[in-house]
Amino acid sequence: MNERLRLDTLCSRDGIEAARDWAQQTVEVYGRSISDSNHYASQPDWEPLFEKSIHELKLFAETGVIP
Protein backbone atom coordinates (compact mmCIF):
# COMPACT_ATOMS: atom_id res chain seq x y z
CA MET A 1 0.00 0.00 0.00
CA ASN A 2 1.34 3.37 -0.96
CA GLU A 3 -0.35 6.40 0.50
CA ARG A 4 1.14 8.88 -1.99
CA LEU A 5 -1.84 8.90 -4.37
CA ARG A 6 -4.34 9.33 -1.54
CA LEU A 7 -2.33 12.15 0.00
CA ASP A 8 -1.89 13.89 -3.36
CA THR A 9 -5.64 13.67 -3.96
CA LEU A 10 -6.54 14.94 -0.49
CA CYS A 11 -4.10 17.84 -0.69
CA SER A 12 -5.47 18.89 -4.06
CA ARG A 13 -9.10 18.51 -3.06
CA ASP A 14 -9.15 19.58 0.60
CA GLY A 15 -5.84 21.31 1.31
CA ILE A 16 -2.75 20.24 3.18
CA GLU A 17 -4.10 20.75 6.71
CA ALA A 18 -7.13 18.57 6.05
CA ALA A 19 -4.86 15.95 4.50
CA ARG A 20 -2.57 16.05 7.55
CA ASP A 21 -5.57 15.61 9.85
CA TRP A 22 -6.76 12.66 7.76
CA ALA A 23 -3.28 11.13 7.87
CA GLN A 24 -3.16 11.33 11.67
CA GLN A 25 -6.62 9.80 12.02
CA THR A 26 -5.69 7.02 9.61
CA VAL A 27 -2.50 6.26 11.56
CA GLU A 28 -4.69 5.65 14.61
CA VAL A 29 -7.13 3.44 12.69
CA TYR A 30 -4.34 1.40 11.08
CA GLY A 31 -2.63 1.00 14.46
CA ARG A 32 -5.82 -0.34 16.04
CA SER A 33 -6.30 -2.66 13.07
CA ILE A 34 -2.83 -4.17 13.48
CA SER A 35 -3.49 -4.69 17.20
CA ASP A 36 -6.76 -6.53 16.57
CA SER A 37 -6.04 -10.22 16.02
CA ASN A 38 -9.36 -10.57 14.19
CA HIS A 39 -8.48 -7.91 11.61
CA TYR A 40 -6.65 -8.93 8.45
CA ALA A 41 -4.14 -6.11 9.06
CA SER A 42 -2.70 -8.18 11.92
CA GLN A 43 -1.93 -11.13 9.64
CA PRO A 44 1.71 -11.77 8.70
CA ASP A 45 1.22 -10.96 5.00
CA TRP A 46 -0.53 -7.66 5.70
CA GLU A 47 1.05 -6.27 8.86
CA PRO A 48 4.29 -5.04 7.19
CA LEU A 49 2.25 -3.21 4.56
CA PHE A 50 0.16 -1.48 7.19
CA GLU A 51 3.28 -0.61 9.18
CA LYS A 52 4.83 0.96 6.07
CA SER A 53 1.68 3.00 5.52
CA ILE A 54 1.67 4.08 9.16
CA HIS A 55 5.26 5.27 8.80
CA GLU A 56 4.46 7.23 5.62
CA LEU A 57 1.34 8.78 7.12
CA LYS A 58 3.08 9.76 10.36
CA LEU A 59 5.82 11.44 8.38
CA PHE A 60 3.29 13.37 6.34
CA ALA A 61 1.19 14.32 9.40
CA GLU A 62 4.30 15.70 11.12
CA THR A 63 5.99 17.42 8.17
CA GLY A 64 3.44 17.91 5.41
CA VAL A 65 5.89 16.22 3.02
CA ILE A 66 4.53 13.35 0.95
CA PRO A 67 7.05 10.50 1.17
PDB file of N, CA and C in Angstrom:
ATOM      1  N   MET A   1       0.858  -1.173   0.000  1.00  0.00           N
ATOM      2  CA  MET A   1       0.000   0.000   0.000  1.00  0.00           C
ATOM      3  C   MET A   1       0.896   1.225   0.000  1.00  0.00           C
ATOM      4  N   ASN A   2       0.604   2.114  -0.901  1.00  0.00           N
ATOM      5  CA  ASN A   2       1.338   3.369  -0.962  1.00  0.00           C
ATOM      6  C   ASN A   2       0.334   4.490  -0.774  1.00  0.00           C
ATOM      7  N   GLU A   3       0.600   5.345   0.162  1.00  0.00           N
ATOM      8  CA  GLU A   3      -0.350   6.397   0.498  1.00  0.00           C
ATOM      9  C   GLU A   3      -0.173   7.651  -0.349  1.00  0.00           C
ATOM     10  N   ARG A   4       0.833   7.680  -1.208  1.00  0.00           N
ATOM     11  CA  ARG A   4       1.142   8.879  -1.989  1.00  0.00           C
ATOM     12  C   ARG A   4      -0.060   9.377  -2.810  1.00  0.00           C
ATOM     13  N   LEU A   5      -0.709   8.503  -3.526  1.00  0.00           N
ATOM     14  CA  LEU A   5      -1.838   8.904  -4.369  1.00  0.00           C
ATOM     15  C   LEU A   5      -2.972   9.475  -3.525  1.00  0.00           C
ATOM     16  N   ARG A   6      -3.280   8.813  -2.414  1.00  0.00           N
ATOM     17  CA  ARG A   6      -4.338   9.329  -1.539  1.00  0.00           C
ATOM     18  C   ARG A   6      -3.990  10.705  -1.001  1.00  0.00           C
ATOM     19  N   LEU A   7      -2.744  10.869  -0.556  1.00  0.00           N
ATOM     20  CA  LEU A   7      -2.330  12.152   0.001  1.00  0.00           C
ATOM     21  C   LEU A   7      -2.323  13.249  -1.063  1.00  0.00           C
ATOM     22  N   ASP A   8      -1.845  12.920  -2.252  1.00  0.00           N
ATOM     23  CA  ASP A   8      -1.892  13.893  -3.361  1.00  0.00           C
ATOM     24  C   ASP A   8      -3.332  14.335  -3.630  1.00  0.00           C
ATOM     25  N   THR A   9      -4.228  13.371  -3.690  1.00  0.00           N
ATOM     26  CA  THR A   9      -5.637  13.668  -3.963  1.00  0.00           C
ATOM     27  C   THR A   9      -6.240  14.528  -2.867  1.00  0.00           C
ATOM     28  N   LEU A  10      -5.995  14.164  -1.610  1.00  0.00           N
ATOM     29  CA  LEU A  10      -6.544  14.937  -0.493  1.00  0.00           C
ATOM     30  C   LEU A  10      -5.983  16.354  -0.457  1.00  0.00           C
ATOM     31  N   CYS A  11      -4.695  16.495  -0.689  1.00  0.00           N
ATOM     32  CA  CYS A  11      -4.097  17.837  -0.694  1.00  0.00           C
ATOM     33  C   CYS A  11      -4.718  18.704  -1.783  1.00  0.00           C
ATOM     34  N   SER A  12      -4.885  18.136  -2.951  1.00  0.00           N
ATOM     35  CA  SER A  12      -5.472  18.893  -4.061  1.00  0.00           C
ATOM     36  C   SER A  12      -6.926  19.259  -3.796  1.00  0.00           C
ATOM     37  N   ARG A  13      -7.670  18.312  -3.258  1.00  0.00           N
ATOM     38  CA  ARG A  13      -9.098  18.512  -3.058  1.00  0.00           C
ATOM     39  C   ARG A  13      -9.427  19.334  -1.814  1.00  0.00           C
ATOM     40  N   ASP A  14      -8.751  19.013  -0.692  1.00  0.00           N
ATOM     41  CA  ASP A  14      -9.148  19.579   0.601  1.00  0.00           C
ATOM     42  C   ASP A  14      -8.120  20.491   1.246  1.00  0.00           C
ATOM     43  N   GLY A  15      -6.905  20.506   0.722  1.00  0.00           N
ATOM     44  CA  GLY A  15      -5.843  21.308   1.308  1.00  0.00           C
ATOM     45  C   GLY A  15      -4.944  20.479   2.206  1.00  0.00           C
ATOM     46  N   ILE A  16      -3.762  21.012   2.452  1.00  0.00           N
ATOM     47  CA  ILE A  16      -2.753  20.242   3.183  1.00  0.00           C
ATOM     48  C   ILE A  16      -3.138  19.999   4.638  1.00  0.00           C
ATOM     49  N   GLU A  17      -3.746  20.962   5.293  1.00  0.00           N
ATOM     50  CA  GLU A  17      -4.096  20.755   6.706  1.00  0.00           C
ATOM     51  C   GLU A  17      -5.147  19.660   6.868  1.00  0.00           C
ATOM     52  N   ALA A  18      -6.126  19.635   5.996  1.00  0.00           N
ATOM     53  CA  ALA A  18      -7.134  18.567   6.051  1.00  0.00           C
ATOM     54  C   ALA A  18      -6.488  17.217   5.762  1.00  0.00           C
ATOM     55  N   ALA A  19      -5.556  17.191   4.827  1.00  0.00           N
ATOM     56  CA  ALA A  19      -4.858  15.947   4.504  1.00  0.00           C
ATOM     57  C   ALA A  19      -4.008  15.486   5.677  1.00  0.00           C
ATOM     58  N   ARG A  20      -3.370  16.412   6.368  1.00  0.00           N
ATOM     59  CA  ARG A  20      -2.566  16.047   7.547  1.00  0.00           C
ATOM     60  C   ARG A  20      -3.463  15.507   8.663  1.00  0.00           C
ATOM     61  N   ASP A  21      -4.614  16.114   8.854  1.00  0.00           N
ATOM     62  CA  ASP A  21      -5.568  15.606   9.846  1.00  0.00           C
ATOM     63  C   ASP A  21      -6.015  14.191   9.483  1.00  0.00           C
ATOM     64  N   TRP A  22      -6.352  13.991   8.220  1.00  0.00           N
ATOM     65  CA  TRP A  22      -6.763  12.658   7.761  1.00  0.00           C
ATOM     66  C   TRP A  22      -5.648  11.647   7.996  1.00  0.00           C
ATOM     67  N   ALA A  23      -4.412  12.033   7.695  1.00  0.00           N
ATOM     68  CA  ALA A  23      -3.278  11.131   7.873  1.00  0.00           C
ATOM     69  C   ALA A  23      -3.150  10.709   9.338  1.00  0.00           C
ATOM     70  N   GLN A  24      -3.279  11.660  10.255  1.00  0.00           N
ATOM     71  CA  GLN A  24      -3.162  11.335  11.672  1.00  0.00           C
ATOM     72  C   GLN A  24      -4.289  10.399  12.117  1.00  0.00           C
ATOM     73  N   GLN A  25      -5.489  10.668  11.671  1.00  0.00           N
ATOM     74  CA  GLN A  25      -6.617   9.796  12.021  1.00  0.00           C
ATOM     75  C   GLN A  25      -6.417   8.392  11.456  1.00  0.00           C
ATOM     76  N   THR A  26      -5.898   8.312  10.257  1.00  0.00           N
ATOM     77  CA  THR A  26      -5.688   7.021   9.609  1.00  0.00           C
ATOM     78  C   THR A  26      -4.583   6.230  10.298  1.00  0.00           C
ATOM     79  N   VAL A  27      -3.551   6.918  10.782  1.00  0.00           N
ATOM     80  CA  VAL A  27      -2.505   6.257  11.563  1.00  0.00           C
ATOM     81  C   VAL A  27      -3.136   5.550  12.763  1.00  0.00           C
ATOM     82  N   GLU A  28      -4.032   6.231  13.438  1.00  0.00           N
ATOM     83  CA  GLU A  28      -4.686   5.647  14.606  1.00  0.00           C
ATOM     84  C   GLU A  28      -5.547   4.442  14.227  1.00  0.00           C
ATOM     85  N   VAL A  29      -6.283   4.550  13.143  1.00  0.00           N
ATOM     86  CA  VAL A  29      -7.126   3.438  12.687  1.00  0.00           C
ATOM     87  C   VAL A  29      -6.261   2.245  12.285  1.00  0.00           C
ATOM     88  N   TYR A  30      -5.216   2.489  11.516  1.00  0.00           N
ATOM     89  CA  TYR A  30      -4.341   1.396  11.083  1.00  0.00           C
ATOM     90  C   TYR A  30      -3.670   0.743  12.289  1.00  0.00           C
ATOM     91  N   GLY A  31      -3.255   1.549  13.257  1.00  0.00           N
ATOM     92  CA  GLY A  31      -2.628   0.999  14.463  1.00  0.00           C
ATOM     93  C   GLY A  31      -3.571   0.087  15.225  1.00  0.00           C
ATOM     94  N   ARG A  32      -4.823   0.513  15.373  1.00  0.00           N
ATOM     95  CA  ARG A  32      -5.817  -0.338  16.036  1.00  0.00           C
ATOM     96  C   ARG A  32      -6.063  -1.614  15.229  1.00  0.00           C
ATOM     97  N   SER A  33      -6.058  -1.493  13.927  1.00  0.00           N
ATOM     98  CA  SER A  33      -6.299  -2.659  13.071  1.00  0.00           C
ATOM     99  C   SER A  33      -5.198  -3.695  13.230  1.00  0.00           C
ATOM    100  N   ILE A  34      -3.953  -3.251  13.296  1.00  0.00           N
ATOM    101  CA  ILE A  34      -2.834  -4.174  13.482  1.00  0.00           C
ATOM    102  C   ILE A  34      -2.927  -4.863  14.837  1.00  0.00           C
ATOM    103  N   SER A  35      -3.394  -4.137  15.840  1.00  0.00           N
ATOM    104  CA  SER A  35      -3.487  -4.686  17.204  1.00  0.00           C
ATOM    105  C   SER A  35      -4.630  -5.676  17.385  1.00  0.00           C
ATOM    106  N   ASP A  36      -5.572  -5.671  16.466  1.00  0.00           N
ATOM    107  CA  ASP A  36      -6.757  -6.532  16.568  1.00  0.00           C
ATOM    108  C   ASP A  36      -6.487  -7.857  15.851  1.00  0.00           C
ATOM    109  N   SER A  37      -6.367  -8.916  16.616  1.00  0.00           N
ATOM    110  CA  SER A  37      -6.038 -10.217  16.017  1.00  0.00           C
ATOM    111  C   SER A  37      -7.111 -10.728  15.060  1.00  0.00           C
ATOM    112  N   ASN A  38      -8.294 -10.171  15.113  1.00  0.00           N
ATOM    113  CA  ASN A  38      -9.361 -10.570  14.193  1.00  0.00           C
ATOM    114  C   ASN A  38      -9.349  -9.781  12.887  1.00  0.00           C
ATOM    115  N   HIS A  39      -8.534  -8.749  12.813  1.00  0.00           N
ATOM    116  CA  HIS A  39      -8.479  -7.912  11.609  1.00  0.00           C
ATOM    117  C   HIS A  39      -7.386  -8.432  10.679  1.00  0.00           C
ATOM    118  N   TYR A  40      -7.643  -8.408   9.386  1.00  0.00           N
ATOM    119  CA  TYR A  40      -6.654  -8.931   8.450  1.00  0.00           C
ATOM    120  C   TYR A  40      -5.338  -8.155   8.494  1.00  0.00           C
ATOM    121  N   ALA A  41      -5.366  -6.907   8.973  1.00  0.00           N
ATOM    122  CA  ALA A  41      -4.135  -6.111   9.063  1.00  0.00           C
ATOM    123  C   ALA A  41      -3.138  -6.707  10.047  1.00  0.00           C
ATOM    124  N   SER A  42      -3.594  -7.560  10.940  1.00  0.00           N
ATOM    125  CA  SER A  42      -2.699  -8.176  11.920  1.00  0.00           C
ATOM    126  C   SER A  42      -2.056  -9.453  11.382  1.00  0.00           C
ATOM    127  N   GLN A  43      -2.461  -9.893  10.217  1.00  0.00           N
ATOM    128  CA  GLN A  43      -1.935 -11.133   9.644  1.00  0.00           C
ATOM    129  C   GLN A  43      -0.534 -10.906   9.062  1.00  0.00           C
ATOM    130  N   PRO A  44       0.309 -11.923   9.106  1.00  0.00           N
ATOM    131  CA  PRO A  44       1.712 -11.767   8.698  1.00  0.00           C
ATOM    132  C   PRO A  44       1.926 -11.175   7.304  1.00  0.00           C
ATOM    133  N   ASP A  45       1.054 -11.492   6.360  1.00  0.00           N
ATOM    134  CA  ASP A  45       1.223 -10.956   5.004  1.00  0.00           C
ATOM    135  C   ASP A  45       0.862  -9.475   4.911  1.00  0.00           C
ATOM    136  N   TRP A  46      -0.012  -9.024   5.774  1.00  0.00           N
ATOM    137  CA  TRP A  46      -0.528  -7.657   5.696  1.00  0.00           C
ATOM    138  C   TRP A  46       0.127  -6.687   6.661  1.00  0.00           C
ATOM    139  N   GLU A  47       0.534  -7.169   7.823  1.00  0.00           N
ATOM    140  CA  GLU A  47       1.050  -6.269   8.860  1.00  0.00           C
ATOM    141  C   GLU A  47       2.208  -5.383   8.375  1.00  0.00           C
ATOM    142  N   PRO A  48       3.200  -5.916   7.655  1.00  0.00           N
ATOM    143  CA  PRO A  48       4.287  -5.038   7.188  1.00  0.00           C
ATOM    144  C   PRO A  48       3.804  -3.930   6.252  1.00  0.00           C
ATOM    145  N   LEU A  49       2.784  -4.230   5.465  1.00  0.00           N
ATOM    146  CA  LEU A  49       2.248  -3.215   4.556  1.00  0.00           C
ATOM    147  C   LEU A  49       1.553  -2.094   5.339  1.00  0.00           C
ATOM    148  N   PHE A  50       0.812  -2.475   6.352  1.00  0.00           N
ATOM    149  CA  PHE A  50       0.159  -1.479   7.189  1.00  0.00           C
ATOM    150  C   PHE A  50       1.194  -0.664   7.966  1.00  0.00           C
ATOM    151  N   GLU A  51       2.237  -1.329   8.456  1.00  0.00           N
ATOM    152  CA  GLU A  51       3.284  -0.615   9.182  1.00  0.00           C
ATOM    153  C   GLU A  51       3.989   0.398   8.284  1.00  0.00           C
ATOM    154  N   LYS A  52       4.215   0.032   7.032  1.00  0.00           N
ATOM    155  CA  LYS A  52       4.830   0.962   6.069  1.00  0.00           C
ATOM    156  C   LYS A  52       3.915   2.162   5.850  1.00  0.00           C
ATOM    157  N   SER A  53       2.630   1.905   5.698  1.00  0.00           N
ATOM    158  CA  SER A  53       1.679   3.004   5.516  1.00  0.00           C
ATOM    159  C   SER A  53       1.640   3.899   6.750  1.00  0.00           C
ATOM    160  N   ILE A  54       1.671   3.290   7.922  1.00  0.00           N
ATOM    161  CA  ILE A  54       1.675   4.077   9.158  1.00  0.00           C
ATOM    162  C   ILE A  54       2.894   4.995   9.182  1.00  0.00           C
ATOM    163  N   HIS A  55       4.035   4.463   8.824  1.00  0.00           N
ATOM    164  CA  HIS A  55       5.258   5.268   8.803  1.00  0.00           C
ATOM    165  C   HIS A  55       5.116   6.451   7.832  1.00  0.00           C
ATOM    166  N   GLU A  56       4.637   6.177   6.622  1.00  0.00           N
ATOM    167  CA  GLU A  56       4.465   7.233   5.615  1.00  0.00           C
ATOM    168  C   GLU A  56       3.472   8.288   6.090  1.00  0.00           C
ATOM    169  N   LEU A  57       2.371   7.843   6.665  1.00  0.00           N
ATOM    170  CA  LEU A  57       1.340   8.780   7.117  1.00  0.00           C
ATOM    171  C   LEU A  57       1.805   9.610   8.306  1.00  0.00           C
ATOM    172  N   LYS A  58       2.540   9.003   9.230  1.00  0.00           N
ATOM    173  CA  LYS A  58       3.081   9.755  10.364  1.00  0.00           C
ATOM    174  C   LYS A  58       4.026  10.843   9.869  1.00  0.00           C
ATOM    175  N   LEU A  59       4.885  10.473   8.945  1.00  0.00           N
ATOM    176  CA  LEU A  59       5.825  11.442   8.381  1.00  0.00           C
ATOM    177  C   LEU A  59       5.073  12.613   7.755  1.00  0.00           C
ATOM    178  N   PHE A  60       4.061  12.308   6.983  1.00  0.00           N
ATOM    179  CA  PHE A  60       3.286  13.369   6.343  1.00  0.00           C
ATOM    180  C   PHE A  60       2.545  14.215   7.375  1.00  0.00           C
ATOM    181  N   ALA A  61       1.935  13.575   8.363  1.00  0.00           N
ATOM    182  CA  ALA A  61       1.190  14.319   9.397  1.00  0.00           C
ATOM    183  C   ALA A  61       2.108  15.279  10.148  1.00  0.00           C
ATOM    184  N   GLU A  62       3.343  14.877  10.370  1.00  0.00           N
ATOM    185  CA  GLU A  62       4.295  15.704  11.117  1.00  0.00           C
ATOM    186  C   GLU A  62       4.940  16.790  10.271  1.00  0.00           C
ATOM    187  N   THR A  63       5.191  16.493   8.986  1.00  0.00           N
ATOM    188  CA  THR A  63       5.989  17.418   8.172  1.00  0.00           C
ATOM    189  C   THR A  63       5.228  18.062   7.017  1.00  0.00           C
ATOM    190  N   GLY A  64       4.152  17.414   6.585  1.00  0.00           N
ATOM    191  CA  GLY A  64       3.442  17.907   5.410  1.00  0.00           C
ATOM    192  C   GLY A  64       4.117  17.509   4.101  1.00  0.00           C
ATOM    193  N   VAL A  65       5.162  16.685   4.201  1.00  0.00           N
ATOM    194  CA  VAL A  65       5.886  16.222   3.016  1.00  0.00           C
ATOM    195  C   VAL A  65       5.389  14.830   2.653  1.00  0.00           C
ATOM    196  N   ILE A  66       5.004  14.662   1.413  1.00  0.00           N
ATOM    197  CA  ILE A  66       4.531  13.355   0.946  1.00  0.00           C
ATOM    198  C   ILE A  66       5.751  12.495   0.652  1.00  0.00           C
ATOM    199  N   PRO A  67       5.856  11.356   1.354  1.00  0.00           N
ATOM    200  CA  PRO A  67       7.050  10.499   1.173  1.00  0.00           C
ATOM    201  C   PRO A  67       7.091   9.833  -0.189  1.00  0.00           C
TER     202      PRO A  67
END
